[in-house]
ModelCIF file with pLDDT and N, C-alpha, C, O atoms, coordinates in Angstrom:
data_MODEL
#
_entry.id   MODEL 
#
_entity.id                         1 
_entity.type                       polymer 
_entity.pdbx_number_of_molecules   1 
#
_entity_poly.entity_id                      1 
_entity_poly.type                           'polypeptide(L)' 
_entity_poly.nstd_linkage                   no 
_entity_poly.nstd_monomer                   no 
_entity_poly.pdbx_seq_one_letter_code       AGVITHFRILDPTGAVRLRAPPAHDSTARDSVSLVSAGNGVVTAIALF 
_entity_poly.pdbx_seq_one_letter_code_can   AGVITHFRILDPTGAVRLRAPPAHDSTARDSVSLVSAGNGVVTAIALF 
_entity_poly.pdbx_strand_id                 A 
#
loop_
_entity_poly_seq.entity_id 
_entity_poly_seq.num 
_entity_poly_seq.mon_id 
_entity_poly_seq.hetero 
1 1  ALA n 
1 2  GLY n 
1 3  VAL n 
1 4  ILE n 
1 5  THR n 
1 6  HIS n 
1 7  PHE n 
1 8  ARG n 
1 9  ILE n 
1 10 LEU n 
1 11 ASP n 
1 12 PRO n 
1 13 THR n 
1 14 GLY n 
1 15 ALA n 
1 16 VAL n 
1 17 ARG n 
1 18 LEU n 
1 19 ARG n 
1 20 ALA n 
1 21 PRO n 
1 22 PRO n 
1 23 ALA n 
1 24 HIS n 
1 25 ASP n 
1 26 SER n 
1 27 THR n 
1 28 ALA n 
1 29 ARG n 
1 30 ASP n 
1 31 SER n 
1 32 VAL n 
1 33 SER n 
1 34 LEU n 
1 35 VAL n 
1 36 SER n 
1 37 ALA n 
1 38 GLY n 
1 39 ASN n 
1 40 GLY n 
1 41 VAL n 
1 42 VAL n 
1 43 THR n 
1 44 ALA n 
1 45 ILE n 
1 46 ALA n 
1 47 LEU n 
1 48 PHE n 
#
_struct_asym.id          A 
_struct_asym.entity_id   1 
#
loop_
_ma_qa_metric.id 
_ma_qa_metric.mode 
_ma_qa_metric.name 
_ma_qa_metric.software_group_id 
_ma_qa_metric.type 
1 global pLDDT . pLDDT 
2 local  pLDDT . pLDDT 
#
_ma_qa_metric_global.metric_id      1 
_ma_qa_metric_global.metric_value   85.00 
_ma_qa_metric_global.model_id       1 
_ma_qa_metric_global.ordinal_id     1 
#
loop_
_ma_qa_metric_local.label_asym_id 
_ma_qa_metric_local.label_comp_id 
_ma_qa_metric_local.label_seq_id 
_ma_qa_metric_local.metric_id 
_ma_qa_metric_local.metric_value 
_ma_qa_metric_local.model_id 
_ma_qa_metric_local.ordinal_id 
A ALA 1  2 87.00 1 1  
A GLY 2  2 86.00 1 2  
A VAL 3  2 89.00 1 3  
A ILE 4  2 90.00 1 4  
A THR 5  2 93.00 1 5  
A HIS 6  2 94.00 1 6  
A PHE 7  2 94.00 1 7  
A ARG 8  2 94.00 1 8  
A ILE 9  2 91.00 1 9  
A LEU 10 2 92.00 1 10 
A ASP 11 2 89.00 1 11 
A PRO 12 2 86.00 1 12 
A THR 13 2 79.00 1 13 
A GLY 14 2 79.00 1 14 
A ALA 15 2 80.00 1 15 
A VAL 16 2 83.00 1 16 
A ARG 17 2 84.00 1 17 
A LEU 18 2 88.00 1 18 
A ARG 19 2 85.00 1 19 
A ALA 20 2 86.00 1 20 
A PRO 21 2 82.00 1 21 
A PRO 22 2 72.00 1 22 
A ALA 23 2 60.00 1 23 
A HIS 24 2 59.00 1 24 
A ASP 25 2 62.00 1 25 
A SER 26 2 66.00 1 26 
A THR 27 2 79.00 1 27 
A ALA 28 2 81.00 1 28 
A ARG 29 2 86.00 1 29 
A ASP 30 2 88.00 1 30 
A SER 31 2 91.00 1 31 
A VAL 32 2 91.00 1 32 
A SER 33 2 91.00 1 33 
A LEU 34 2 91.00 1 34 
A VAL 35 2 90.00 1 35 
A SER 36 2 91.00 1 36 
A ALA 37 2 90.00 1 37 
A GLY 38 2 88.00 1 38 
A ASN 39 2 92.00 1 39 
A GLY 40 2 92.00 1 40 
A VAL 41 2 93.00 1 41 
A VAL 42 2 92.00 1 42 
A THR 43 2 89.00 1 43 
A ALA 44 2 89.00 1 44 
A ILE 45 2 87.00 1 45 
A ALA 46 2 84.00 1 46 
A LEU 47 2 80.00 1 47 
A PHE 48 2 75.00 1 48 
#
loop_
_atom_site.group_PDB 
_atom_site.id 
_atom_site.type_symbol 
_atom_site.label_atom_id 
_atom_site.label_alt_id 
_atom_site.label_comp_id 
_atom_site.label_asym_id 
_atom_site.label_entity_id 
_atom_site.label_seq_id 
_atom_site.pdbx_PDB_ins_code 
_atom_site.Cartn_x 
_atom_site.Cartn_y 
_atom_site.Cartn_z 
_atom_site.occupancy 
_atom_site.B_iso_or_equiv 
_atom_site.pdbx_formal_charge 
_atom_site.auth_seq_id 
_atom_site.auth_comp_id 
_atom_site.auth_asym_id 
_atom_site.auth_atom_id 
_atom_site.pdbx_PDB_model_num 
ATOM 1   N N  . ALA A 1 1  ? 0.843   -1.199 0.000   1.00 87.00 ? 1  ALA A N  1 
ATOM 2   C CA . ALA A 1 1  ? 0.000   0.000  0.000   1.00 87.00 ? 1  ALA A CA 1 
ATOM 3   C C  . ALA A 1 1  ? 0.877   1.248  0.000   1.00 87.00 ? 1  ALA A C  1 
ATOM 4   O O  . ALA A 1 1  ? 2.033   1.206  0.421   1.00 87.00 ? 1  ALA A O  1 
ATOM 5   N N  . GLY A 1 2  ? 0.320   2.349  -0.472  1.00 86.00 ? 2  GLY A N  1 
ATOM 6   C CA . GLY A 1 2  ? 0.995   3.637  -0.389  1.00 86.00 ? 2  GLY A CA 1 
ATOM 7   C C  . GLY A 1 2  ? 2.082   3.857  -1.410  1.00 86.00 ? 2  GLY A C  1 
ATOM 8   O O  . GLY A 1 2  ? 2.888   4.774  -1.252  1.00 86.00 ? 2  GLY A O  1 
ATOM 9   N N  . VAL A 1 3  ? 2.138   3.045  -2.460  1.00 89.00 ? 3  VAL A N  1 
ATOM 10  C CA . VAL A 1 3  ? 3.152   3.195  -3.506  1.00 89.00 ? 3  VAL A CA 1 
ATOM 11  C C  . VAL A 1 3  ? 2.580   4.048  -4.635  1.00 89.00 ? 3  VAL A C  1 
ATOM 12  O O  . VAL A 1 3  ? 1.475   3.789  -5.112  1.00 89.00 ? 3  VAL A O  1 
ATOM 13  N N  . ILE A 1 4  ? 3.320   5.051  -5.057  1.00 90.00 ? 4  ILE A N  1 
ATOM 14  C CA . ILE A 1 4  ? 2.845   5.975  -6.092  1.00 90.00 ? 4  ILE A CA 1 
ATOM 15  C C  . ILE A 1 4  ? 3.132   5.397  -7.472  1.00 90.00 ? 4  ILE A C  1 
ATOM 16  O O  . ILE A 1 4  ? 4.244   4.950  -7.754  1.00 90.00 ? 4  ILE A O  1 
ATOM 17  N N  . THR A 1 5  ? 2.119   5.412  -8.321  1.00 93.00 ? 5  THR A N  1 
ATOM 18  C CA . THR A 1 5  ? 2.244   4.969  -9.707  1.00 93.00 ? 5  THR A CA 1 
ATOM 19  C C  . THR A 1 5  ? 1.802   6.099  -10.630 1.00 93.00 ? 5  THR A C  1 
ATOM 20  O O  . THR A 1 5  ? 0.816   6.788  -10.369 1.00 93.00 ? 5  THR A O  1 
ATOM 21  N N  . HIS A 1 6  ? 2.547   6.272  -11.704 1.00 94.00 ? 6  HIS A N  1 
ATOM 22  C CA . HIS A 1 6  ? 2.254   7.353  -12.640 1.00 94.00 ? 6  HIS A CA 1 
ATOM 23  C C  . HIS A 1 6  ? 1.642   6.767  -13.917 1.00 94.00 ? 6  HIS A C  1 
ATOM 24  O O  . HIS A 1 6  ? 2.285   5.994  -14.628 1.00 94.00 ? 6  HIS A O  1 
ATOM 25  N N  . PHE A 1 7  ? 0.397   7.144  -14.194 1.00 94.00 ? 7  PHE A N  1 
ATOM 26  C CA . PHE A 1 7  ? -0.289  6.735  -15.416 1.00 94.00 ? 7  PHE A CA 1 
ATOM 27  C C  . PHE A 1 7  ? -0.258  7.899  -16.410 1.00 94.00 ? 7  PHE A C  1 
ATOM 28  O O  . PHE A 1 7  ? -0.421  9.056  -16.024 1.00 94.00 ? 7  PHE A O  1 
ATOM 29  N N  . ARG A 1 8  ? -0.048  7.583  -17.695 1.00 94.00 ? 8  ARG A N  1 
ATOM 30  C CA . ARG A 1 8  ? -0.126  8.634  -18.718 1.00 94.00 ? 8  ARG A CA 1 
ATOM 31  C C  . ARG A 1 8  ? -0.640  8.058  -20.032 1.00 94.00 ? 8  ARG A C  1 
ATOM 32  O O  . ARG A 1 8  ? -0.435  6.888  -20.352 1.00 94.00 ? 8  ARG A O  1 
ATOM 33  N N  . ILE A 1 9  ? -1.314  8.925  -20.775 1.00 91.00 ? 9  ILE A N  1 
ATOM 34  C CA . ILE A 1 9  ? -1.822  8.567  -22.095 1.00 91.00 ? 9  ILE A CA 1 
ATOM 35  C C  . ILE A 1 9  ? -0.671  8.690  -23.087 1.00 91.00 ? 9  ILE A C  1 
ATOM 36  O O  . ILE A 1 9  ? -0.043  9.742  -23.198 1.00 91.00 ? 9  ILE A O  1 
ATOM 37  N N  . LEU A 1 10 ? -0.404  7.609  -23.800 1.00 92.00 ? 10 LEU A N  1 
ATOM 38  C CA . LEU A 1 10 ? 0.616   7.672  -24.845 1.00 92.00 ? 10 LEU A CA 1 
ATOM 39  C C  . LEU A 1 10 ? 0.022   8.225  -26.137 1.00 92.00 ? 10 LEU A C  1 
ATOM 40  O O  . LEU A 1 10 ? 0.618   9.085  -26.785 1.00 92.00 ? 10 LEU A O  1 
ATOM 41  N N  . ASP A 1 11 ? -1.165  7.720  -26.508 1.00 89.00 ? 11 ASP A N  1 
ATOM 42  C CA . ASP A 1 11 ? -1.909  8.258  -27.642 1.00 89.00 ? 11 ASP A CA 1 
ATOM 43  C C  . ASP A 1 11 ? -3.301  7.631  -27.650 1.00 89.00 ? 11 ASP A C  1 
ATOM 44  O O  . ASP A 1 11 ? -3.459  6.504  -27.180 1.00 89.00 ? 11 ASP A O  1 
ATOM 45  N N  . PRO A 1 12 ? -4.314  8.323  -28.166 1.00 86.00 ? 12 PRO A N  1 
ATOM 46  C CA . PRO A 1 12 ? -4.220  9.698  -28.666 1.00 86.00 ? 12 PRO A CA 1 
ATOM 47  C C  . PRO A 1 12 ? -4.364  10.689 -27.509 1.00 86.00 ? 12 PRO A C  1 
ATOM 48  O O  . PRO A 1 12 ? -5.320  10.588 -26.740 1.00 86.00 ? 12 PRO A O  1 
ATOM 49  N N  . THR A 1 13 ? -3.465  11.618 -27.370 1.00 79.00 ? 13 THR A N  1 
ATOM 50  C CA . THR A 1 13 ? -3.556  12.616 -26.312 1.00 79.00 ? 13 THR A CA 1 
ATOM 51  C C  . THR A 1 13 ? -4.672  13.603 -26.657 1.00 79.00 ? 13 THR A C  1 
ATOM 52  O O  . THR A 1 13 ? -4.905  13.916 -27.825 1.00 79.00 ? 13 THR A O  1 
ATOM 53  N N  . GLY A 1 14 ? -5.334  14.069 -25.649 1.00 79.00 ? 14 GLY A N  1 
ATOM 54  C CA . GLY A 1 14 ? -6.422  15.022 -25.846 1.00 79.00 ? 14 GLY A CA 1 
ATOM 55  C C  . GLY A 1 14 ? -7.771  14.349 -25.994 1.00 79.00 ? 14 GLY A C  1 
ATOM 56  O O  . GLY A 1 14 ? -8.752  14.789 -25.393 1.00 79.00 ? 14 GLY A O  1 
ATOM 57  N N  . ALA A 1 15 ? -7.836  13.282 -26.790 1.00 80.00 ? 15 ALA A N  1 
ATOM 58  C CA . ALA A 1 15 ? -9.111  12.609 -27.007 1.00 80.00 ? 15 ALA A CA 1 
ATOM 59  C C  . ALA A 1 15 ? -9.507  11.751 -25.818 1.00 80.00 ? 15 ALA A C  1 
ATOM 60  O O  . ALA A 1 15 ? -10.693 11.577 -25.539 1.00 80.00 ? 15 ALA A O  1 
ATOM 61  N N  . VAL A 1 16 ? -8.515  11.214 -25.117 1.00 83.00 ? 16 VAL A N  1 
ATOM 62  C CA . VAL A 1 16 ? -8.751  10.385 -23.942 1.00 83.00 ? 16 VAL A CA 1 
ATOM 63  C C  . VAL A 1 16 ? -7.972  10.975 -22.784 1.00 83.00 ? 16 VAL A C  1 
ATOM 64  O O  . VAL A 1 16 ? -6.827  11.400 -22.939 1.00 83.00 ? 16 VAL A O  1 
ATOM 65  N N  . ARG A 1 17 ? -8.609  10.996 -21.619 1.00 84.00 ? 17 ARG A N  1 
ATOM 66  C CA . ARG A 1 17 ? -7.936  11.525 -20.438 1.00 84.00 ? 17 ARG A CA 1 
ATOM 67  C C  . ARG A 1 17 ? -8.128  10.555 -19.283 1.00 84.00 ? 17 ARG A C  1 
ATOM 68  O O  . ARG A 1 17 ? -8.929  9.624  -19.366 1.00 84.00 ? 17 ARG A O  1 
ATOM 69  N N  . LEU A 1 18 ? -7.384  10.784 -18.199 1.00 88.00 ? 18 LEU A N  1 
ATOM 70  C CA . LEU A 1 18 ? -7.401  9.874  -17.062 1.00 88.00 ? 18 LEU A CA 1 
ATOM 71  C C  . LEU A 1 18 ? -7.831  10.593 -15.797 1.00 88.00 ? 18 LEU A C  1 
ATOM 72  O O  . LEU A 1 18 ? -7.620  11.795 -15.640 1.00 88.00 ? 18 LEU A O  1 
ATOM 73  N N  . ARG A 1 19 ? -8.436  9.833  -14.903 1.00 85.00 ? 19 ARG A N  1 
ATOM 74  C CA . ARG A 1 19 ? -8.731  10.380 -13.584 1.00 85.00 ? 19 ARG A CA 1 
ATOM 75  C C  . ARG A 1 19 ? -8.667  9.253  -12.558 1.00 85.00 ? 19 ARG A C  1 
ATOM 76  O O  . ARG A 1 19 ? -8.585  8.076  -12.911 1.00 85.00 ? 19 ARG A O  1 
ATOM 77  N N  . ALA A 1 20 ? -8.706  9.637  -11.279 1.00 86.00 ? 20 ALA A N  1 
ATOM 78  C CA . ALA A 1 20 ? -8.732  8.664  -10.188 1.00 86.00 ? 20 ALA A CA 1 
ATOM 79  C C  . ALA A 1 20 ? -10.125 8.041  -10.104 1.00 86.00 ? 20 ALA A C  1 
ATOM 80  O O  . ALA A 1 20 ? -11.088 8.607  -10.621 1.00 86.00 ? 20 ALA A O  1 
ATOM 81  N N  . PRO A 1 21 ? -10.237 6.877  -9.455  1.00 82.00 ? 21 PRO A N  1 
ATOM 82  C CA . PRO A 1 21 ? -11.552 6.247  -9.270  1.00 82.00 ? 21 PRO A CA 1 
ATOM 83  C C  . PRO A 1 21 ? -12.502 7.141  -8.477  1.00 82.00 ? 21 PRO A C  1 
ATOM 84  O O  . PRO A 1 21 ? -12.066 8.137  -7.899  1.00 82.00 ? 21 PRO A O  1 
ATOM 85  N N  . PRO A 1 22 ? -13.789 6.804  -8.439  1.00 72.00 ? 22 PRO A N  1 
ATOM 86  C CA . PRO A 1 22 ? -14.756 7.599  -7.670  1.00 72.00 ? 22 PRO A CA 1 
ATOM 87  C C  . PRO A 1 22 ? -14.309 7.802  -6.230  1.00 72.00 ? 22 PRO A C  1 
ATOM 88  O O  . PRO A 1 22 ? -13.577 6.991  -5.664  1.00 72.00 ? 22 PRO A O  1 
ATOM 89  N N  . ALA A 1 23 ? -14.767 8.898  -5.657  1.00 60.00 ? 23 ALA A N  1 
ATOM 90  C CA . ALA A 1 23 ? -14.448 9.302  -4.277  1.00 60.00 ? 23 ALA A CA 1 
ATOM 91  C C  . ALA A 1 23 ? -13.055 9.893  -4.175  1.00 60.00 ? 23 ALA A C  1 
ATOM 92  O O  . ALA A 1 23 ? -12.574 10.169 -3.076  1.00 60.00 ? 23 ALA A O  1 
ATOM 93  N N  . HIS A 1 24 ? -12.395 10.091 -5.330  1.00 59.00 ? 24 HIS A N  1 
ATOM 94  C CA . HIS A 1 24 ? -11.116 10.771 -5.350  1.00 59.00 ? 24 HIS A CA 1 
ATOM 95  C C  . HIS A 1 24 ? -11.239 12.013 -6.236  1.00 59.00 ? 24 HIS A C  1 
ATOM 96  O O  . HIS A 1 24 ? -12.338 12.430 -6.600  1.00 59.00 ? 24 HIS A O  1 
ATOM 97  N N  . ASP A 1 25 ? -10.102 12.583 -6.568  1.00 62.00 ? 25 ASP A N  1 
ATOM 98  C CA . ASP A 1 25 ? -10.086 13.751 -7.439  1.00 62.00 ? 25 ASP A CA 1 
ATOM 99  C C  . ASP A 1 25 ? -10.739 13.387 -8.777  1.00 62.00 ? 25 ASP A C  1 
ATOM 100 O O  . ASP A 1 25 ? -10.294 12.455 -9.448  1.00 62.00 ? 25 ASP A O  1 
ATOM 101 N N  . SER A 1 26 ? -11.758 14.093 -9.156  1.00 66.00 ? 26 SER A N  1 
ATOM 102 C CA . SER A 1 26 ? -12.493 13.771 -10.381 1.00 66.00 ? 26 SER A CA 1 
ATOM 103 C C  . SER A 1 26 ? -11.956 14.515 -11.602 1.00 66.00 ? 26 SER A C  1 
ATOM 104 O O  . SER A 1 26 ? -12.494 14.371 -12.700 1.00 66.00 ? 26 SER A O  1 
ATOM 105 N N  . THR A 1 27 ? -10.903 15.306 -11.419 1.00 79.00 ? 27 THR A N  1 
ATOM 106 C CA . THR A 1 27 ? -10.348 16.062 -12.534 1.00 79.00 ? 27 THR A CA 1 
ATOM 107 C C  . THR A 1 27 ? -9.648  15.132 -13.520 1.00 79.00 ? 27 THR A C  1 
ATOM 108 O O  . THR A 1 27 ? -8.819  14.314 -13.120 1.00 79.00 ? 27 THR A O  1 
ATOM 109 N N  . ALA A 1 28 ? -9.974  15.253 -14.796 1.00 81.00 ? 28 ALA A N  1 
ATOM 110 C CA . ALA A 1 28 ? -9.370  14.414 -15.826 1.00 81.00 ? 28 ALA A CA 1 
ATOM 111 C C  . ALA A 1 28 ? -8.121  15.098 -16.378 1.00 81.00 ? 28 ALA A C  1 
ATOM 112 O O  . ALA A 1 28 ? -8.112  16.307 -16.608 1.00 81.00 ? 28 ALA A O  1 
ATOM 113 N N  . ARG A 1 29 ? -7.069  14.308 -16.587 1.00 86.00 ? 29 ARG A N  1 
ATOM 114 C CA . ARG A 1 29 ? -5.798  14.843 -17.070 1.00 86.00 ? 29 ARG A CA 1 
ATOM 115 C C  . ARG A 1 29 ? -5.191  13.873 -18.081 1.00 86.00 ? 29 ARG A C  1 
ATOM 116 O O  . ARG A 1 29 ? -5.665  12.750 -18.257 1.00 86.00 ? 29 ARG A O  1 
ATOM 117 N N  . ASP A 1 30 ? -4.124  14.342 -18.744 1.00 88.00 ? 30 ASP A N  1 
ATOM 118 C CA . ASP A 1 30 ? -3.375  13.453 -19.630 1.00 88.00 ? 30 ASP A CA 1 
ATOM 119 C C  . ASP A 1 30 ? -2.531  12.472 -18.828 1.00 88.00 ? 30 ASP A C  1 
ATOM 120 O O  . ASP A 1 30 ? -2.180  11.401 -19.323 1.00 88.00 ? 30 ASP A O  1 
ATOM 121 N N  . SER A 1 31 ? -2.202  12.840 -17.583 1.00 91.00 ? 31 SER A N  1 
ATOM 122 C CA . SER A 1 31 ? -1.440  11.943 -16.718 1.00 91.00 ? 31 SER A CA 1 
ATOM 123 C C  . SER A 1 31 ? -1.869  12.153 -15.277 1.00 91.00 ? 31 SER A C  1 
ATOM 124 O O  . SER A 1 31 ? -2.242  13.259 -14.886 1.00 91.00 ? 31 SER A O  1 
ATOM 125 N N  . VAL A 1 32 ? -1.814  11.076 -14.482 1.00 91.00 ? 32 VAL A N  1 
ATOM 126 C CA . VAL A 1 32 ? -2.190  11.153 -13.074 1.00 91.00 ? 32 VAL A CA 1 
ATOM 127 C C  . VAL A 1 32 ? -1.217  10.304 -12.261 1.00 91.00 ? 32 VAL A C  1 
ATOM 128 O O  . VAL A 1 32 ? -0.721  9.285  -12.742 1.00 91.00 ? 32 VAL A O  1 
ATOM 129 N N  . SER A 1 33 ? -0.950  10.724 -11.037 1.00 91.00 ? 33 SER A N  1 
ATOM 130 C CA . SER A 1 33 ? -0.150  9.941  -10.103 1.00 91.00 ? 33 SER A CA 1 
ATOM 131 C C  . SER A 1 33 ? -1.074  9.459  -8.997  1.00 91.00 ? 33 SER A C  1 
ATOM 132 O O  . SER A 1 33 ? -1.694  10.268 -8.307  1.00 91.00 ? 33 SER A O  1 
ATOM 133 N N  . LEU A 1 34 ? -1.171  8.150  -8.825  1.00 91.00 ? 34 LEU A N  1 
ATOM 134 C CA . LEU A 1 34 ? -2.117  7.553  -7.899  1.00 91.00 ? 34 LEU A CA 1 
ATOM 135 C C  . LEU A 1 34 ? -1.384  6.626  -6.942  1.00 91.00 ? 34 LEU A C  1 
ATOM 136 O O  . LEU A 1 34 ? -0.277  6.169  -7.227  1.00 91.00 ? 34 LEU A O  1 
ATOM 137 N N  . VAL A 1 35 ? -2.021  6.351  -5.790  1.00 90.00 ? 35 VAL A N  1 
ATOM 138 C CA . VAL A 1 35 ? -1.394  5.584  -4.726  1.00 90.00 ? 35 VAL A CA 1 
ATOM 139 C C  . VAL A 1 35 ? -2.081  4.235  -4.573  1.00 90.00 ? 35 VAL A C  1 
ATOM 140 O O  . VAL A 1 35 ? -3.306  4.140  -4.636  1.00 90.00 ? 35 VAL A O  1 
ATOM 141 N N  . SER A 1 36 ? -1.278  3.187  -4.370  1.00 91.00 ? 36 SER A N  1 
ATOM 142 C CA . SER A 1 36 ? -1.839  1.842  -4.244  1.00 91.00 ? 36 SER A CA 1 
ATOM 143 C C  . SER A 1 36 ? -2.622  1.691  -2.947  1.00 91.00 ? 36 SER A C  1 
ATOM 144 O O  . SER A 1 36 ? -2.275  2.274  -1.920  1.00 91.00 ? 36 SER A O  1 
ATOM 145 N N  . ALA A 1 37 ? -3.684  0.897  -3.019  1.00 90.00 ? 37 ALA A N  1 
ATOM 146 C CA . ALA A 1 37 ? -4.516  0.618  -1.854  1.00 90.00 ? 37 ALA A CA 1 
ATOM 147 C C  . ALA A 1 37 ? -3.890  -0.512 -1.035  1.00 90.00 ? 37 ALA A C  1 
ATOM 148 O O  . ALA A 1 37 ? -2.794  -0.986 -1.333  1.00 90.00 ? 37 ALA A O  1 
ATOM 149 N N  . GLY A 1 38 ? -4.615  -0.929 0.004   1.00 88.00 ? 38 GLY A N  1 
ATOM 150 C CA . GLY A 1 38 ? -4.085  -1.958 0.896   1.00 88.00 ? 38 GLY A CA 1 
ATOM 151 C C  . GLY A 1 38 ? -3.829  -3.282 0.209   1.00 88.00 ? 38 GLY A C  1 
ATOM 152 O O  . GLY A 1 38 ? -2.992  -4.064 0.659   1.00 88.00 ? 38 GLY A O  1 
ATOM 153 N N  . ASN A 1 39 ? -4.547  -3.544 -0.887  1.00 92.00 ? 39 ASN A N  1 
ATOM 154 C CA . ASN A 1 39 ? -4.332  -4.791 -1.624  1.00 92.00 ? 39 ASN A CA 1 
ATOM 155 C C  . ASN A 1 39 ? -3.253  -4.653 -2.698  1.00 92.00 ? 39 ASN A C  1 
ATOM 156 O O  . ASN A 1 39 ? -3.047  -5.560 -3.505  1.00 92.00 ? 39 ASN A O  1 
ATOM 157 N N  . GLY A 1 40 ? -2.570  -3.511 -2.695  1.00 92.00 ? 40 GLY A N  1 
ATOM 158 C CA . GLY A 1 40 ? -1.494  -3.286 -3.649  1.00 92.00 ? 40 GLY A CA 1 
ATOM 159 C C  . GLY A 1 40 ? -1.941  -2.835 -5.013  1.00 92.00 ? 40 GLY A C  1 
ATOM 160 O O  . GLY A 1 40 ? -1.107  -2.639 -5.898  1.00 92.00 ? 40 GLY A O  1 
ATOM 161 N N  . VAL A 1 41 ? -3.252  -2.662 -5.214  1.00 93.00 ? 41 VAL A N  1 
ATOM 162 C CA . VAL A 1 41 ? -3.779  -2.314 -6.531  1.00 93.00 ? 41 VAL A CA 1 
ATOM 163 C C  . VAL A 1 41 ? -3.884  -0.799 -6.686  1.00 93.00 ? 41 VAL A C  1 
ATOM 164 O O  . VAL A 1 41 ? -4.357  -0.095 -5.794  1.00 93.00 ? 41 VAL A O  1 
ATOM 165 N N  . VAL A 1 42 ? -3.431  -0.319 -7.844  1.00 92.00 ? 42 VAL A N  1 
ATOM 166 C CA . VAL A 1 42 ? -3.588  1.085  -8.219  1.00 92.00 ? 42 VAL A CA 1 
ATOM 167 C C  . VAL A 1 42 ? -4.469  1.117  -9.460  1.00 92.00 ? 42 VAL A C  1 
ATOM 168 O O  . VAL A 1 42 ? -4.153  0.472  -10.459 1.00 92.00 ? 42 VAL A O  1 
ATOM 169 N N  . THR A 1 43 ? -5.555  1.850  -9.406  1.00 89.00 ? 43 THR A N  1 
ATOM 170 C CA . THR A 1 43 ? -6.469  1.887  -10.547 1.00 89.00 ? 43 THR A CA 1 
ATOM 171 C C  . THR A 1 43 ? -6.670  3.301  -11.058 1.00 89.00 ? 43 THR A C  1 
ATOM 172 O O  . THR A 1 43 ? -6.620  4.272  -10.303 1.00 89.00 ? 43 THR A O  1 
ATOM 173 N N  . ALA A 1 44 ? -6.898  3.389  -12.360 1.00 89.00 ? 44 ALA A N  1 
ATOM 174 C CA . ALA A 1 44 ? -7.220  4.658  -13.007 1.00 89.00 ? 44 ALA A CA 1 
ATOM 175 C C  . ALA A 1 44 ? -8.453  4.445  -13.872 1.00 89.00 ? 44 ALA A C  1 
ATOM 176 O O  . ALA A 1 44 ? -8.832  3.312  -14.167 1.00 89.00 ? 44 ALA A O  1 
ATOM 177 N N  . ILE A 1 45 ? -9.070  5.541  -14.273 1.00 87.00 ? 45 ILE A N  1 
ATOM 178 C CA . ILE A 1 45 ? -10.252 5.481  -15.130 1.00 87.00 ? 45 ILE A CA 1 
ATOM 179 C C  . ILE A 1 45 ? -10.005 6.347  -16.361 1.00 87.00 ? 45 ILE A C  1 
ATOM 180 O O  . ILE A 1 45 ? -9.555  7.487  -16.248 1.00 87.00 ? 45 ILE A O  1 
ATOM 181 N N  . ALA A 1 46 ? -10.302 5.796  -17.538 1.00 84.00 ? 46 ALA A N  1 
ATOM 182 C CA . ALA A 1 46 ? -10.159 6.535  -18.787 1.00 84.00 ? 46 ALA A CA 1 
ATOM 183 C C  . ALA A 1 46 ? -11.479 7.208  -19.141 1.00 84.00 ? 46 ALA A C  1 
ATOM 184 O O  . ALA A 1 46 ? -12.547 6.608  -19.015 1.00 84.00 ? 46 ALA A O  1 
ATOM 185 N N  . LEU A 1 47 ? -11.399 8.443  -19.579 1.00 80.00 ? 47 LEU A N  1 
ATOM 186 C CA . LEU A 1 47 ? -12.585 9.211  -19.973 1.00 80.00 ? 47 LEU A CA 1 
ATOM 187 C C  . LEU A 1 47 ? -12.409 9.723  -21.391 1.00 80.00 ? 47 LEU A C  1 
ATOM 188 O O  . LEU A 1 47 ? -11.283 9.949  -21.835 1.00 80.00 ? 47 LEU A O  1 
ATOM 189 N N  . PHE A 1 48 ? -13.482 9.903  -22.086 1.00 75.00 ? 48 PHE A N  1 
ATOM 190 C CA . PHE A 1 48 ? -13.432 10.535 -23.397 1.00 75.00 ? 48 PHE A CA 1 
ATOM 191 C C  . PHE A 1 48 ? -14.674 11.380 -23.554 1.00 75.00 ? 48 PHE A C  1 
ATOM 192 O O  . PHE A 1 48 ? -14.859 12.018 -24.591 1.00 75.00 ? 48 PHE A O  1 
#
């Protein structure tokens, strides 16, 4: 838990963006840095 992972869109940039799962920051970006949960899993959500 607590390990930072950096997600980024390789392509197509602009058309797809990323954000944290619900109950977190809902702002969509081209890249996000997220922290692993107690089960070691880090998840992101793609938006278009």
